[in-house]
Amino acid sequence: MTIQYKKESIHATVSPYIKKQAEELVDTGDFSSMSDLVSVALAEFIGRYKREQKEKDMGTEELLATLSEKDITPAMVKLLKQVFEEGKVSKKNLPIIVDDIIE
């Protein structure tokens, strides 16, 4: 028994550069059609967008807990906590001097 997936049609206007790049990707044979390429690209974009939104919604502790020890050092955890929780981020987007935070 073959599973049939219902597909919907969309229309999008893109720049000539994007169209040319997409056509070149289809021509490589990695995608069966322009429709296949667009479906894969949109699925990837939507997945990444949802992950980023979820990360934005996470609290500081929850976000830091998702990082493994190889991703971040204890000094970086301290720095991030101070930046997020103690408001060390400048409202004028001035650079943070790490030496002023980590003793």
N, C-alpha and C. Protein backbone atom coordinates (compact mmCIF):
# COMPACT_ATOMS: atom_id res chain seq x y z
N MET A 1 0.84 -1.18 0.00
CA MET A 1 0.00 0.00 0.00
C MET A 1 0.89 1.25 0.00
N THR A 2 0.67 2.12 -0.95
CA THR A 2 1.43 3.35 -1.07
C THR A 2 0.71 4.46 -0.32
N ILE A 3 1.48 5.22 0.45
CA ILE A 3 0.91 6.36 1.17
C ILE A 3 0.92 7.56 0.24
N GLN A 4 -0.22 8.18 0.10
CA GLN A 4 -0.34 9.38 -0.73
C GLN A 4 -0.41 10.60 0.18
N TYR A 5 0.47 11.54 -0.04
CA TYR A 5 0.47 12.77 0.73
C TYR A 5 -0.18 13.86 -0.10
N LYS A 6 -1.13 14.56 0.50
CA LYS A 6 -1.77 15.66 -0.20
C LYS A 6 -0.82 16.85 -0.19
N LYS A 7 -0.69 17.47 -1.32
CA LYS A 7 0.18 18.65 -1.42
C LYS A 7 -0.66 19.83 -1.86
N GLU A 8 -0.25 20.99 -1.41
CA GLU A 8 -0.90 22.24 -1.77
C GLU A 8 0.03 23.03 -2.68
N SER A 9 -0.54 23.88 -3.48
CA SER A 9 0.24 24.70 -4.39
C SER A 9 0.41 26.10 -3.80
N ILE A 10 1.61 26.65 -3.95
CA ILE A 10 1.86 28.03 -3.54
C ILE A 10 2.53 28.75 -4.71
N HIS A 11 2.45 30.05 -4.68
CA HIS A 11 3.12 30.85 -5.70
C HIS A 11 3.96 31.88 -4.96
N ALA A 12 5.20 32.00 -5.36
CA ALA A 12 6.09 32.98 -4.72
C ALA A 12 6.89 33.71 -5.79
N THR A 13 7.07 34.98 -5.58
CA THR A 13 7.90 35.79 -6.47
C THR A 13 9.24 35.99 -5.78
N VAL A 14 10.32 35.65 -6.48
CA VAL A 14 11.67 35.76 -5.91
C VAL A 14 12.55 36.57 -6.86
N SER A 15 13.69 36.97 -6.34
CA SER A 15 14.63 37.72 -7.17
C SER A 15 15.22 36.81 -8.25
N PRO A 16 15.71 37.38 -9.33
CA PRO A 16 16.35 36.56 -10.37
C PRO A 16 17.52 35.75 -9.81
N TYR A 17 18.25 36.32 -8.86
CA TYR A 17 19.38 35.61 -8.26
C TYR A 17 18.92 34.34 -7.54
N ILE A 18 17.86 34.46 -6.72
CA ILE A 18 17.34 33.29 -5.99
C ILE A 18 16.84 32.24 -6.98
N LYS A 19 16.14 32.68 -8.02
CA LYS A 19 15.62 31.73 -9.01
C LYS A 19 16.77 30.99 -9.69
N LYS A 20 17.81 31.72 -10.07
CA LYS A 20 18.96 31.10 -10.75
C LYS A 20 19.65 30.09 -9.82
N GLN A 21 19.84 30.48 -8.56
CA GLN A 21 20.48 29.57 -7.61
C GLN A 21 19.63 28.31 -7.41
N ALA A 22 18.32 28.48 -7.32
CA ALA A 22 17.42 27.34 -7.14
C ALA A 22 17.47 26.42 -8.36
N GLU A 23 17.45 27.01 -9.54
CA GLU A 23 17.53 26.19 -10.77
C GLU A 23 18.84 25.41 -10.83
N GLU A 24 19.93 26.05 -10.42
CA GLU A 24 21.22 25.36 -10.42
C GLU A 24 21.23 24.19 -9.44
N LEU A 25 20.57 24.36 -8.30
CA LEU A 25 20.48 23.26 -7.33
C LEU A 25 19.66 22.11 -7.89
N VAL A 26 18.56 22.42 -8.55
CA VAL A 26 17.74 21.37 -9.15
C VAL A 26 18.54 20.65 -10.24
N ASP A 27 19.31 21.41 -11.02
CA ASP A 27 20.11 20.82 -12.10
C ASP A 27 21.19 19.86 -11.60
N THR A 28 21.59 19.98 -10.33
CA THR A 28 22.60 19.05 -9.79
C THR A 28 22.05 17.65 -9.66
N GLY A 29 20.73 17.52 -9.65
CA GLY A 29 20.11 16.21 -9.48
C GLY A 29 19.84 15.86 -8.03
N ASP A 30 20.26 16.73 -7.11
CA ASP A 30 20.00 16.47 -5.69
C ASP A 30 18.53 16.65 -5.33
N PHE A 31 17.79 17.37 -6.16
CA PHE A 31 16.37 17.58 -5.96
C PHE A 31 15.64 17.15 -7.22
N SER A 32 14.51 16.49 -7.05
CA SER A 32 13.80 15.96 -8.21
C SER A 32 13.12 17.04 -9.04
N SER A 33 12.82 18.17 -8.41
CA SER A 33 12.13 19.26 -9.10
C SER A 33 12.25 20.54 -8.28
N MET A 34 11.82 21.63 -8.88
CA MET A 34 11.79 22.90 -8.15
C MET A 34 10.86 22.77 -6.95
N SER A 35 9.76 22.07 -7.13
CA SER A 35 8.81 21.85 -6.04
C SER A 35 9.48 21.11 -4.88
N ASP A 36 10.28 20.10 -5.20
CA ASP A 36 11.00 19.34 -4.17
C ASP A 36 11.96 20.25 -3.42
N LEU A 37 12.72 21.06 -4.16
CA LEU A 37 13.67 21.99 -3.54
C LEU A 37 12.95 22.96 -2.62
N VAL A 38 11.87 23.56 -3.08
CA VAL A 38 11.14 24.53 -2.28
C VAL A 38 10.54 23.86 -1.04
N SER A 39 10.01 22.66 -1.18
CA SER A 39 9.46 21.93 -0.02
C SER A 39 10.52 21.67 1.03
N VAL A 40 11.70 21.20 0.58
CA VAL A 40 12.80 20.92 1.51
C VAL A 40 13.26 22.21 2.18
N ALA A 41 13.44 23.26 1.38
CA ALA A 41 13.92 24.54 1.92
C ALA A 41 12.94 25.11 2.95
N LEU A 42 11.66 25.07 2.65
CA LEU A 42 10.66 25.60 3.59
C LEU A 42 10.58 24.75 4.85
N ALA A 43 10.66 23.43 4.71
CA ALA A 43 10.64 22.56 5.89
C ALA A 43 11.83 22.85 6.79
N GLU A 44 13.01 23.02 6.20
CA GLU A 44 14.21 23.36 6.98
C GLU A 44 14.05 24.71 7.66
N PHE A 45 13.56 25.70 6.92
CA PHE A 45 13.39 27.04 7.48
C PHE A 45 12.39 27.03 8.63
N ILE A 46 11.26 26.37 8.43
CA ILE A 46 10.23 26.33 9.47
C ILE A 46 10.75 25.63 10.72
N GLY A 47 11.47 24.53 10.55
CA GLY A 47 12.05 23.82 11.69
C GLY A 47 13.02 24.70 12.46
N ARG A 48 13.92 25.38 11.75
CA ARG A 48 14.89 26.26 12.38
C ARG A 48 14.18 27.43 13.07
N TYR A 49 13.18 28.00 12.42
CA TYR A 49 12.44 29.12 12.99
C TYR A 49 11.76 28.72 14.30
N LYS A 50 11.12 27.55 14.30
CA LYS A 50 10.45 27.09 15.52
C LYS A 50 11.45 26.84 16.65
N ARG A 51 12.62 26.26 16.32
CA ARG A 51 13.65 26.04 17.35
C ARG A 51 14.12 27.37 17.92
N GLU A 52 14.35 28.35 17.06
CA GLU A 52 14.81 29.66 17.52
C GLU A 52 13.76 30.33 18.40
N GLN A 53 12.49 30.21 18.02
CA GLN A 53 11.42 30.79 18.83
C GLN A 53 11.36 30.12 20.20
N LYS A 54 11.52 28.80 20.22
CA LYS A 54 11.51 28.05 21.48
C LYS A 54 12.66 28.50 22.37
N GLU A 55 13.84 28.68 21.78
CA GLU A 55 15.00 29.14 22.54
C GLU A 55 14.78 30.53 23.11
N LYS A 56 14.14 31.40 22.34
CA LYS A 56 13.85 32.75 22.83
C LYS A 56 12.91 32.71 24.03
N ASP A 57 12.00 31.74 24.02
CA ASP A 57 11.01 31.63 25.08
C ASP A 57 11.56 30.96 26.34
N MET A 58 12.70 30.29 26.22
CA MET A 58 13.28 29.61 27.38
C MET A 58 13.80 30.62 28.39
N GLY A 59 13.75 30.25 29.65
CA GLY A 59 14.36 31.05 30.69
C GLY A 59 15.86 30.84 30.67
N THR A 60 16.59 31.69 31.35
CA THR A 60 18.05 31.63 31.38
C THR A 60 18.54 30.28 31.87
N GLU A 61 18.02 29.83 33.02
CA GLU A 61 18.48 28.56 33.59
C GLU A 61 18.18 27.40 32.65
N GLU A 62 16.99 27.40 32.07
CA GLU A 62 16.60 26.33 31.16
C GLU A 62 17.51 26.32 29.93
N LEU A 63 17.81 27.50 29.40
CA LEU A 63 18.68 27.60 28.24
C LEU A 63 20.09 27.12 28.57
N LEU A 64 20.62 27.57 29.71
CA LEU A 64 21.96 27.15 30.10
C LEU A 64 22.02 25.65 30.35
N ALA A 65 20.92 25.07 30.85
CA ALA A 65 20.89 23.63 31.11
C ALA A 65 20.96 22.81 29.83
N THR A 66 20.57 23.40 28.70
CA THR A 66 20.61 22.67 27.44
C THR A 66 22.02 22.58 26.87
N LEU A 67 22.92 23.40 27.38
CA LEU A 67 24.30 23.40 26.89
C LEU A 67 25.10 22.34 27.63
N SER A 68 25.87 21.58 26.90
CA SER A 68 26.70 20.56 27.55
C SER A 68 28.02 21.18 27.99
N GLU A 69 28.75 20.45 28.84
CA GLU A 69 30.02 20.95 29.35
C GLU A 69 31.02 21.23 28.24
N LYS A 70 30.96 20.46 27.18
CA LYS A 70 31.90 20.71 26.08
C LYS A 70 31.52 21.96 25.29
N ASP A 71 30.25 22.39 25.39
CA ASP A 71 29.81 23.59 24.69
C ASP A 71 30.19 24.86 25.43
N ILE A 72 30.29 24.77 26.76
CA ILE A 72 30.44 25.99 27.54
C ILE A 72 31.22 25.69 28.82
N THR A 73 32.07 26.61 29.19
CA THR A 73 32.89 26.44 30.40
C THR A 73 32.17 27.05 31.60
N PRO A 74 32.55 26.68 32.82
CA PRO A 74 31.93 27.30 34.00
C PRO A 74 32.07 28.83 34.00
N ALA A 75 33.19 29.33 33.51
CA ALA A 75 33.36 30.79 33.45
C ALA A 75 32.34 31.42 32.51
N MET A 76 32.05 30.73 31.41
CA MET A 76 31.06 31.26 30.47
C MET A 76 29.66 31.21 31.08
N VAL A 77 29.36 30.15 31.87
CA VAL A 77 28.06 30.08 32.55
C VAL A 77 27.92 31.29 33.47
N LYS A 78 28.96 31.59 34.24
CA LYS A 78 28.94 32.74 35.14
C LYS A 78 28.72 34.03 34.36
N LEU A 79 29.44 34.17 33.27
CA LEU A 79 29.31 35.36 32.44
C LEU A 79 27.89 35.50 31.90
N LEU A 80 27.35 34.42 31.35
CA LEU A 80 26.01 34.47 30.78
C LEU A 80 24.96 34.78 31.84
N LYS A 81 25.09 34.17 33.02
CA LYS A 81 24.14 34.47 34.09
C LYS A 81 24.17 35.94 34.45
N GLN A 82 25.36 36.49 34.56
CA GLN A 82 25.47 37.90 34.91
C GLN A 82 24.92 38.79 33.80
N VAL A 83 25.19 38.42 32.59
CA VAL A 83 24.69 39.21 31.46
C VAL A 83 23.17 39.17 31.43
N PHE A 84 22.59 37.96 31.56
CA PHE A 84 21.13 37.83 31.47
C PHE A 84 20.41 38.32 32.73
N GLU A 85 20.90 37.90 33.88
CA GLU A 85 20.16 38.13 35.12
C GLU A 85 20.49 39.46 35.79
N GLU A 86 21.68 39.93 35.66
CA GLU A 86 22.06 41.16 36.36
C GLU A 86 22.01 42.38 35.45
N GLY A 87 21.53 42.19 34.24
CA GLY A 87 21.36 43.32 33.34
C GLY A 87 22.65 43.99 32.93
N LYS A 88 23.69 43.21 32.73
CA LYS A 88 24.98 43.80 32.34
C LYS A 88 25.00 44.18 30.86
N VAL A 89 23.96 43.84 30.13
CA VAL A 89 23.92 44.21 28.71
C VAL A 89 23.55 45.68 28.63
N SER A 90 24.34 46.43 27.92
CA SER A 90 24.11 47.86 27.78
C SER A 90 22.90 48.11 26.90
N LYS A 91 22.08 49.05 27.31
CA LYS A 91 20.92 49.41 26.49
C LYS A 91 21.35 50.12 25.22
N LYS A 92 22.57 50.63 25.22
CA LYS A 92 23.09 51.31 24.03
C LYS A 92 23.92 50.36 23.17
N ASN A 93 23.83 49.05 23.47
CA ASN A 93 24.57 48.02 22.74
C ASN A 93 26.07 48.25 22.75
N LEU A 94 26.58 48.77 23.87
CA LEU A 94 28.02 48.93 24.01
C LEU A 94 28.63 47.57 24.31
N PRO A 95 29.89 47.36 23.97
CA PRO A 95 30.50 46.05 24.22
C PRO A 95 30.61 45.77 25.72
N ILE A 96 30.53 44.49 26.05
CA ILE A 96 30.69 44.05 27.43
C ILE A 96 32.16 43.74 27.64
N ILE A 97 32.75 44.27 28.69
CA ILE A 97 34.14 43.98 29.01
C ILE A 97 34.16 42.76 29.92
N VAL A 98 34.58 41.63 29.37
CA VAL A 98 34.54 40.36 30.10
C VAL A 98 35.37 40.43 31.37
N ASP A 99 36.52 41.09 31.34
CA ASP A 99 37.38 41.19 32.52
C ASP A 99 36.67 41.89 33.68
N ASP A 100 35.71 42.76 33.38
CA ASP A 100 34.96 43.45 34.43
C ASP A 100 33.95 42.53 35.10
N ILE A 101 33.58 41.44 34.43
CA ILE A 101 32.56 40.53 34.95
C ILE A 101 33.18 39.32 35.63
N ILE A 102 34.17 38.72 35.00
CA ILE A 102 34.80 37.52 35.55
C ILE A 102 36.04 37.93 36.32
N GLU A 103 36.03 37.64 37.61
CA GLU A 103 37.19 37.97 38.42
C GLU A 103 38.15 36.81 38.46
